[in-house]
Amino acid sequence: MIDNFLLSLKATKFAFLVPFIAFLFPVVPIVMTVGLFIVFDTLTGVAKVVKKHGWVNFSSKGLSSIVSKLVLYSSCIILTYLLENLILFSFVKNFTEIPLFITKIVAILLCYIEIKSVSENFQAITGISLWGTFKDLLSRVKTTKNDMKL
């Protein structure tokens, strides 16, 4: 499928884009993953607005932020990828063998921002703190682990 897309681009006036698209191809799954987090955050944000104010106060103005957030986050990831591959490649290789290390770190930070927002939205909807629930779960696992050692 990807080969057909690149071949069809080659046959058109956009043939100059083929090398650029091929160069950016390794970062596509990272961009898509961050995009999914953005969509999930948007869905929880919509649910929060509907729960607090109903459908009457719901507008597309808030939804328009998804487009700007997708463009901004995608640009950030792509620019980090370009920086890492064109400038920092040999420097990063001295410290780690993980491919796209810096790009993945930036993506993790962006996902953390979205997870934090989802947690805030969830708490506004249900009154339950996801972070507090997660900490309670970890303490129970730790207690169970310690009890099993005895």
N, C-alpha and C. Protein backbone atom coordinates (compact mmCIF):
# COMPACT_ATOMS: atom_id res chain seq x y z
N MET A 1 0.82 -1.19 0.00
CA MET A 1 0.00 0.00 0.00
C MET A 1 0.87 1.26 0.00
N ILE A 2 1.87 1.29 0.86
CA ILE A 2 2.76 2.44 0.92
C ILE A 2 3.56 2.53 -0.36
N ASP A 3 4.00 1.38 -0.86
CA ASP A 3 4.76 1.38 -2.12
C ASP A 3 3.92 1.94 -3.25
N ASN A 4 2.64 1.54 -3.30
CA ASN A 4 1.76 2.07 -4.36
C ASN A 4 1.59 3.57 -4.23
N PHE A 5 1.47 4.07 -2.99
CA PHE A 5 1.34 5.50 -2.77
C PHE A 5 2.58 6.24 -3.26
N LEU A 6 3.76 5.73 -2.91
CA LEU A 6 4.99 6.38 -3.33
C LEU A 6 5.18 6.30 -4.83
N LEU A 7 4.80 5.17 -5.43
CA LEU A 7 4.91 5.05 -6.88
C LEU A 7 3.95 5.98 -7.60
N SER A 8 2.75 6.13 -7.06
CA SER A 8 1.80 7.05 -7.70
C SER A 8 2.27 8.49 -7.57
N LEU A 9 2.92 8.83 -6.46
CA LEU A 9 3.48 10.17 -6.32
C LEU A 9 4.61 10.40 -7.31
N LYS A 10 5.40 9.36 -7.54
CA LYS A 10 6.51 9.46 -8.48
C LYS A 10 6.02 9.79 -9.88
N ALA A 11 4.87 9.25 -10.22
CA ALA A 11 4.34 9.43 -11.56
C ALA A 11 3.67 10.79 -11.75
N THR A 12 3.51 11.54 -10.70
CA THR A 12 2.83 12.84 -10.80
C THR A 12 3.82 13.98 -10.67
N LYS A 13 3.27 15.19 -10.65
CA LYS A 13 4.12 16.37 -10.51
C LYS A 13 4.66 16.53 -9.08
N PHE A 14 4.24 15.66 -8.16
CA PHE A 14 4.71 15.72 -6.78
C PHE A 14 5.86 14.75 -6.53
N ALA A 15 6.55 14.37 -7.58
CA ALA A 15 7.64 13.41 -7.46
C ALA A 15 8.74 13.91 -6.53
N PHE A 16 8.92 15.21 -6.43
CA PHE A 16 9.96 15.75 -5.55
C PHE A 16 9.67 15.49 -4.07
N LEU A 17 8.41 15.16 -3.74
CA LEU A 17 8.04 14.89 -2.35
C LEU A 17 8.39 13.47 -1.89
N VAL A 18 8.60 12.57 -2.83
CA VAL A 18 8.83 11.16 -2.49
C VAL A 18 10.01 10.97 -1.54
N PRO A 19 11.18 11.55 -1.80
CA PRO A 19 12.28 11.37 -0.85
C PRO A 19 11.98 11.94 0.54
N PHE A 20 11.29 13.08 0.58
CA PHE A 20 10.96 13.70 1.85
C PHE A 20 9.99 12.83 2.65
N ILE A 21 8.97 12.29 1.98
CA ILE A 21 8.00 11.42 2.64
C ILE A 21 8.69 10.14 3.11
N ALA A 22 9.56 9.59 2.29
CA ALA A 22 10.29 8.37 2.67
C ALA A 22 11.19 8.64 3.87
N PHE A 23 11.78 9.84 3.94
CA PHE A 23 12.64 10.19 5.07
C PHE A 23 11.83 10.32 6.36
N LEU A 24 10.62 10.85 6.27
CA LEU A 24 9.78 11.04 7.45
C LEU A 24 8.99 9.79 7.85
N PHE A 25 8.99 8.78 7.02
CA PHE A 25 8.17 7.61 7.26
C PHE A 25 8.39 6.94 8.61
N PRO A 26 9.63 6.84 9.14
CA PRO A 26 9.81 6.18 10.44
C PRO A 26 9.11 6.88 11.61
N VAL A 27 8.78 8.16 11.47
CA VAL A 27 8.18 8.90 12.57
C VAL A 27 6.64 8.87 12.52
N VAL A 28 6.07 8.32 11.49
CA VAL A 28 4.61 8.29 11.33
C VAL A 28 3.92 7.56 12.50
N PRO A 29 4.37 6.38 12.93
CA PRO A 29 3.69 5.73 14.07
C PRO A 29 3.74 6.56 15.35
N ILE A 30 4.81 7.30 15.55
CA ILE A 30 4.91 8.13 16.75
C ILE A 30 3.90 9.27 16.67
N VAL A 31 3.80 9.90 15.51
CA VAL A 31 2.83 10.99 15.33
C VAL A 31 1.41 10.47 15.49
N MET A 32 1.14 9.29 14.97
CA MET A 32 -0.21 8.72 15.09
C MET A 32 -0.54 8.38 16.55
N THR A 33 0.42 7.89 17.29
CA THR A 33 0.20 7.57 18.71
C THR A 33 -0.15 8.83 19.49
N VAL A 34 0.63 9.89 19.30
CA VAL A 34 0.34 11.14 19.98
C VAL A 34 -1.02 11.68 19.53
N GLY A 35 -1.33 11.52 18.25
CA GLY A 35 -2.63 11.94 17.74
C GLY A 35 -3.79 11.22 18.43
N LEU A 36 -3.62 9.94 18.70
CA LEU A 36 -4.66 9.19 19.42
C LEU A 36 -4.86 9.73 20.83
N PHE A 37 -3.77 10.10 21.49
CA PHE A 37 -3.90 10.69 22.82
C PHE A 37 -4.64 12.02 22.75
N ILE A 38 -4.37 12.80 21.71
CA ILE A 38 -5.07 14.08 21.53
C ILE A 38 -6.56 13.85 21.32
N VAL A 39 -6.90 12.87 20.50
CA VAL A 39 -8.32 12.57 20.24
C VAL A 39 -9.00 12.12 21.53
N PHE A 40 -8.34 11.27 22.31
CA PHE A 40 -8.91 10.79 23.57
C PHE A 40 -9.12 11.95 24.54
N ASP A 41 -8.15 12.88 24.60
CA ASP A 41 -8.28 14.06 25.43
C ASP A 41 -9.46 14.91 24.97
N THR A 42 -9.62 15.05 23.67
CA THR A 42 -10.73 15.83 23.14
C THR A 42 -12.07 15.19 23.50
N LEU A 43 -12.15 13.88 23.39
CA LEU A 43 -13.40 13.19 23.75
C LEU A 43 -13.74 13.37 25.22
N THR A 44 -12.74 13.27 26.09
CA THR A 44 -13.03 13.49 27.52
C THR A 44 -13.36 14.95 27.80
N GLY A 45 -12.75 15.86 27.05
CA GLY A 45 -13.09 17.27 27.20
C GLY A 45 -14.52 17.56 26.79
N VAL A 46 -14.96 16.94 25.70
CA VAL A 46 -16.35 17.09 25.25
C VAL A 46 -17.30 16.52 26.31
N ALA A 47 -16.95 15.36 26.85
CA ALA A 47 -17.80 14.75 27.87
C ALA A 47 -17.89 15.64 29.11
N LYS A 48 -16.78 16.30 29.46
CA LYS A 48 -16.78 17.19 30.62
C LYS A 48 -17.70 18.39 30.37
N VAL A 49 -17.61 18.98 29.20
CA VAL A 49 -18.46 20.14 28.88
C VAL A 49 -19.93 19.74 28.88
N VAL A 50 -20.23 18.61 28.28
CA VAL A 50 -21.62 18.15 28.21
C VAL A 50 -22.15 17.84 29.60
N LYS A 51 -21.33 17.21 30.42
CA LYS A 51 -21.76 16.87 31.79
C LYS A 51 -22.02 18.13 32.62
N LYS A 52 -21.14 19.11 32.52
CA LYS A 52 -21.27 20.31 33.34
C LYS A 52 -22.32 21.29 32.83
N HIS A 53 -22.39 21.45 31.50
CA HIS A 53 -23.23 22.51 30.94
C HIS A 53 -24.30 22.01 29.98
N GLY A 54 -24.27 20.74 29.64
CA GLY A 54 -25.25 20.19 28.70
C GLY A 54 -24.88 20.49 27.25
N TRP A 55 -25.65 19.92 26.35
CA TRP A 55 -25.40 20.08 24.92
C TRP A 55 -25.67 21.50 24.44
N VAL A 56 -26.42 22.26 25.21
CA VAL A 56 -26.79 23.61 24.80
C VAL A 56 -25.55 24.50 24.68
N ASN A 57 -24.62 24.37 25.61
CA ASN A 57 -23.42 25.21 25.61
C ASN A 57 -22.26 24.60 24.82
N PHE A 58 -22.50 23.47 24.21
CA PHE A 58 -21.45 22.82 23.42
C PHE A 58 -21.30 23.54 22.08
N SER A 59 -20.06 23.88 21.73
CA SER A 59 -19.83 24.56 20.45
C SER A 59 -18.60 23.97 19.77
N SER A 60 -18.50 24.27 18.50
CA SER A 60 -17.36 23.75 17.74
C SER A 60 -16.09 24.55 18.00
N LYS A 61 -16.22 25.66 18.70
CA LYS A 61 -15.06 26.49 19.01
C LYS A 61 -14.02 25.70 19.81
N GLY A 62 -14.49 24.95 20.79
CA GLY A 62 -13.58 24.13 21.58
C GLY A 62 -12.97 22.99 20.78
N LEU A 63 -13.76 22.47 19.85
CA LEU A 63 -13.25 21.36 19.02
C LEU A 63 -12.19 21.83 18.03
N SER A 64 -12.21 23.10 17.69
CA SER A 64 -11.23 23.58 16.71
C SER A 64 -9.82 23.51 17.26
N SER A 65 -9.69 23.45 18.58
CA SER A 65 -8.35 23.35 19.17
C SER A 65 -7.67 22.02 18.84
N ILE A 66 -8.46 21.00 18.50
CA ILE A 66 -7.87 19.70 18.16
C ILE A 66 -6.99 19.82 16.93
N VAL A 67 -7.42 20.62 15.96
CA VAL A 67 -6.64 20.78 14.73
C VAL A 67 -5.32 21.47 15.03
N SER A 68 -5.38 22.57 15.77
CA SER A 68 -4.14 23.29 16.07
C SER A 68 -3.21 22.44 16.94
N LYS A 69 -3.78 21.67 17.86
CA LYS A 69 -2.96 20.81 18.71
C LYS A 69 -2.31 19.70 17.89
N LEU A 70 -3.06 19.11 16.96
CA LEU A 70 -2.49 18.07 16.10
C LEU A 70 -1.36 18.62 15.25
N VAL A 71 -1.56 19.80 14.67
CA VAL A 71 -0.52 20.40 13.83
C VAL A 71 0.70 20.76 14.67
N LEU A 72 0.47 21.37 15.82
CA LEU A 72 1.59 21.78 16.68
C LEU A 72 2.38 20.58 17.18
N TYR A 73 1.70 19.57 17.70
CA TYR A 73 2.39 18.39 18.22
C TYR A 73 3.10 17.62 17.11
N SER A 74 2.44 17.47 15.97
CA SER A 74 3.06 16.77 14.84
C SER A 74 4.30 17.52 14.36
N SER A 75 4.21 18.83 14.27
CA SER A 75 5.36 19.63 13.87
C SER A 75 6.50 19.49 14.86
N CYS A 76 6.17 19.49 16.13
CA CYS A 76 7.19 19.33 17.16
C CYS A 76 7.91 17.99 17.02
N ILE A 77 7.15 16.93 16.80
CA ILE A 77 7.76 15.60 16.66
C ILE A 77 8.60 15.53 15.39
N ILE A 78 8.10 16.06 14.29
CA ILE A 78 8.84 16.01 13.03
C ILE A 78 10.11 16.85 13.11
N LEU A 79 10.03 18.03 13.70
CA LEU A 79 11.23 18.86 13.85
C LEU A 79 12.25 18.21 14.77
N THR A 80 11.79 17.55 15.82
CA THR A 80 12.71 16.83 16.70
C THR A 80 13.38 15.69 15.94
N TYR A 81 12.59 14.99 15.13
CA TYR A 81 13.13 13.90 14.31
C TYR A 81 14.19 14.42 13.34
N LEU A 82 13.90 15.54 12.68
CA LEU A 82 14.87 16.12 11.76
C LEU A 82 16.14 16.55 12.49
N LEU A 83 15.98 17.18 13.63
CA LEU A 83 17.12 17.61 14.43
C LEU A 83 17.96 16.41 14.86
N GLU A 84 17.27 15.37 15.31
CA GLU A 84 17.97 14.18 15.78
C GLU A 84 18.72 13.48 14.65
N ASN A 85 18.10 13.37 13.49
CA ASN A 85 18.73 12.64 12.38
C ASN A 85 19.77 13.44 11.63
N LEU A 86 19.59 14.73 11.53
CA LEU A 86 20.51 15.53 10.72
C LEU A 86 21.65 16.14 11.53
N ILE A 87 21.43 16.40 12.81
CA ILE A 87 22.44 17.10 13.59
C ILE A 87 22.97 16.26 14.75
N LEU A 88 22.08 15.64 15.50
CA LEU A 88 22.49 14.98 16.74
C LEU A 88 22.72 13.48 16.62
N PHE A 89 22.64 12.93 15.42
CA PHE A 89 22.67 11.48 15.24
C PHE A 89 23.89 10.83 15.89
N SER A 90 25.09 11.29 15.57
CA SER A 90 26.29 10.64 16.12
C SER A 90 26.43 10.90 17.61
N PHE A 91 25.98 12.06 18.08
CA PHE A 91 26.05 12.37 19.51
C PHE A 91 25.15 11.44 20.31
N VAL A 92 23.93 11.23 19.84
CA VAL A 92 22.97 10.37 20.55
C VAL A 92 23.43 8.92 20.51
N LYS A 93 24.02 8.50 19.41
CA LYS A 93 24.50 7.12 19.28
C LYS A 93 25.58 6.78 20.30
N ASN A 94 26.30 7.79 20.79
CA ASN A 94 27.32 7.55 21.81
C ASN A 94 26.72 7.12 23.14
N PHE A 95 25.46 7.51 23.38
CA PHE A 95 24.83 7.25 24.67
C PHE A 95 23.82 6.10 24.65
N THR A 96 23.16 5.90 23.52
CA THR A 96 22.14 4.87 23.47
C THR A 96 22.00 4.31 22.06
N GLU A 97 21.59 3.07 22.00
CA GLU A 97 21.34 2.42 20.72
C GLU A 97 19.87 2.44 20.34
N ILE A 98 19.04 3.05 21.17
CA ILE A 98 17.61 3.10 20.91
C ILE A 98 17.37 4.02 19.72
N PRO A 99 16.73 3.51 18.68
CA PRO A 99 16.46 4.37 17.52
C PRO A 99 15.44 5.45 17.85
N LEU A 100 15.67 6.64 17.32
CA LEU A 100 14.78 7.79 17.51
C LEU A 100 14.59 8.12 18.99
N PHE A 101 15.64 8.03 19.75
CA PHE A 101 15.56 8.19 21.21
C PHE A 101 14.99 9.55 21.61
N ILE A 102 15.55 10.63 21.11
CA ILE A 102 15.09 11.97 21.49
C ILE A 102 13.66 12.20 21.00
N THR A 103 13.36 11.74 19.81
CA THR A 103 12.01 11.88 19.26
C THR A 103 11.00 11.16 20.14
N LYS A 104 11.36 9.98 20.60
CA LYS A 104 10.46 9.23 21.48
C LYS A 104 10.30 9.90 22.84
N ILE A 105 11.36 10.50 23.36
CA ILE A 105 11.27 11.22 24.63
C ILE A 105 10.30 12.40 24.48
N VAL A 106 10.41 13.15 23.40
CA VAL A 106 9.49 14.27 23.16
C VAL A 106 8.06 13.76 23.04
N ALA A 107 7.87 12.65 22.33
CA ALA A 107 6.52 12.08 22.18
C ALA A 107 5.96 11.64 23.53
N ILE A 108 6.79 11.08 24.37
CA ILE A 108 6.35 10.67 25.72
C ILE A 108 5.92 11.89 26.53
N LEU A 109 6.67 12.97 26.43
CA LEU A 109 6.30 14.19 27.14
C LEU A 109 4.96 14.74 26.64
N LEU A 110 4.77 14.73 25.34
CA LEU A 110 3.50 15.20 24.78
C LEU A 110 2.34 14.29 25.21
N CYS A 111 2.58 12.99 25.23
CA CYS A 111 1.55 12.05 25.69
C CYS A 111 1.25 12.28 27.17
N TYR A 112 2.27 12.58 27.96
CA TYR A 112 2.06 12.85 29.38
C TYR A 112 1.15 14.07 29.57
N ILE A 113 1.36 15.10 28.77
CA ILE A 113 0.50 16.29 28.84
C ILE A 113 -0.95 15.90 28.57
N GLU A 114 -1.16 15.07 27.57
CA GLU A 114 -2.52 14.65 27.22
C GLU A 114 -3.12 13.75 28.30
N ILE A 115 -2.31 12.86 28.86
CA ILE A 115 -2.80 11.97 29.92
C ILE A 115 -3.20 12.80 31.14
N LYS A 116 -2.41 13.79 31.47
CA LYS A 116 -2.73 14.68 32.60
C LYS A 116 -4.05 15.40 32.34
N SER A 117 -4.26 15.86 31.12
CA SER A 117 -5.51 16.53 30.77
C SER A 117 -6.69 15.57 30.84
N VAL A 118 -6.50 14.35 30.36
CA VAL A 118 -7.55 13.33 30.45
C VAL A 118 -7.90 13.06 31.90
N SER A 119 -6.88 12.98 32.75
CA SER A 119 -7.10 12.74 34.17
C SER A 119 -7.91 13.88 34.80
N GLU A 120 -7.57 15.11 34.44
CA GLU A 120 -8.32 16.26 34.96
C GLU A 120 -9.77 16.23 34.48
N ASN A 121 -9.96 15.91 33.20
CA ASN A 121 -11.32 15.82 32.65
C ASN A 121 -12.11 14.71 33.34
N PHE A 122 -11.46 13.56 33.55
CA PHE A 122 -12.12 12.43 34.20
C PHE A 122 -12.53 12.78 35.62
N GLN A 123 -11.66 13.49 36.32
CA GLN A 123 -11.98 13.89 37.68
C GLN A 123 -13.14 14.89 37.69
N ALA A 124 -13.19 15.78 36.72
CA ALA A 124 -14.29 16.74 36.64
C ALA A 124 -15.61 16.03 36.32
N ILE A 125 -15.55 14.95 35.54
CA ILE A 125 -16.76 14.22 35.15
C ILE A 125 -17.25 13.35 36.30
N THR A 126 -16.34 12.56 36.90
CA THR A 126 -16.75 11.54 37.87
C THR A 126 -16.45 11.90 39.32
N GLY A 127 -15.54 12.83 39.53
CA GLY A 127 -15.12 13.15 40.89
C GLY A 127 -14.05 12.20 41.41
N ILE A 128 -13.60 11.29 40.58
CA ILE A 128 -12.57 10.32 40.97
C ILE A 128 -11.24 10.73 40.35
N SER A 129 -10.21 10.79 41.17
CA SER A 129 -8.88 11.13 40.68
C SER A 129 -8.20 9.87 40.15
N LEU A 130 -7.87 9.87 38.86
CA LEU A 130 -7.17 8.71 38.28
C LEU A 130 -5.80 8.54 38.92
N TRP A 131 -5.10 9.66 39.18
CA TRP A 131 -3.78 9.59 39.79
C TRP A 131 -3.87 9.02 41.20
N GLY A 132 -4.86 9.47 41.98
CA GLY A 132 -5.05 8.94 43.33
C GLY A 132 -5.39 7.46 43.31
N THR A 133 -6.24 7.06 42.38
CA THR A 133 -6.60 5.66 42.24
C THR A 133 -5.39 4.82 41.85
N PHE A 134 -4.56 5.35 40.96
CA PHE A 134 -3.35 4.65 40.53
C PHE A 134 -2.38 4.49 41.69
N LYS A 135 -2.21 5.56 42.49
CA LYS A 135 -1.32 5.47 43.66
C LYS A 135 -1.85 4.46 44.68
N ASP A 136 -3.16 4.44 44.90
CA ASP A 136 -3.75 3.45 45.81
C ASP A 136 -3.50 2.03 45.31
N LEU A 137 -3.65 1.83 44.02
CA LEU A 137 -3.42 0.52 43.42
C LEU A 137 -1.97 0.09 43.63
N LEU A 138 -1.03 1.02 43.40
CA LEU A 138 0.38 0.69 43.59
C LEU A 138 0.69 0.36 45.05
N SER A 139 0.09 1.09 45.98
CA SER A 139 0.35 0.79 47.39
C SER A 139 -0.23 -0.56 47.77
N ARG A 140 -1.39 -0.92 47.20
CA ARG A 140 -1.96 -2.25 47.48
C ARG A 140 -1.08 -3.35 46.90
N VAL A 141 -0.55 -3.12 45.71
CA VAL A 141 0.34 -4.12 45.10
C VAL A 141 1.60 -4.27 45.95
N LYS A 142 2.14 -3.15 46.42
CA LYS A 142 3.33 -3.19 47.25
C LYS A 142 3.06 -3.92 48.56
N THR A 143 1.91 -3.65 49.18
CA THR A 143 1.54 -4.32 50.43
C THR A 143 1.37 -5.82 50.21
N THR A 144 0.71 -6.19 49.12
CA THR A 144 0.52 -7.60 48.78
C THR A 144 1.84 -8.28 48.53
N LYS A 145 2.74 -7.60 47.85
CA LYS A 145 4.07 -8.15 47.57
C LYS A 145 4.82 -8.38 48.88
N ASN A 146 4.76 -7.40 49.78
CA ASN A 146 5.44 -7.55 51.07
C ASN A 146 4.83 -8.67 51.91
N ASP A 147 3.49 -8.81 51.86
CA ASP A 147 2.82 -9.90 52.59
C ASP A 147 3.22 -11.26 52.02
N MET A 148 3.45 -11.34 50.74
CA MET A 148 3.83 -12.62 50.14
C MET A 148 5.25 -13.03 50.53
N LYS A 149 6.10 -12.06 50.82
CA LYS A 149 7.47 -12.38 51.24
C LYS A 149 7.50 -12.98 52.63
N LEU A 150 6.54 -12.62 53.47
CA LEU A 150 6.51 -13.14 54.84
C LEU A 150 6.03 -14.52 54.86
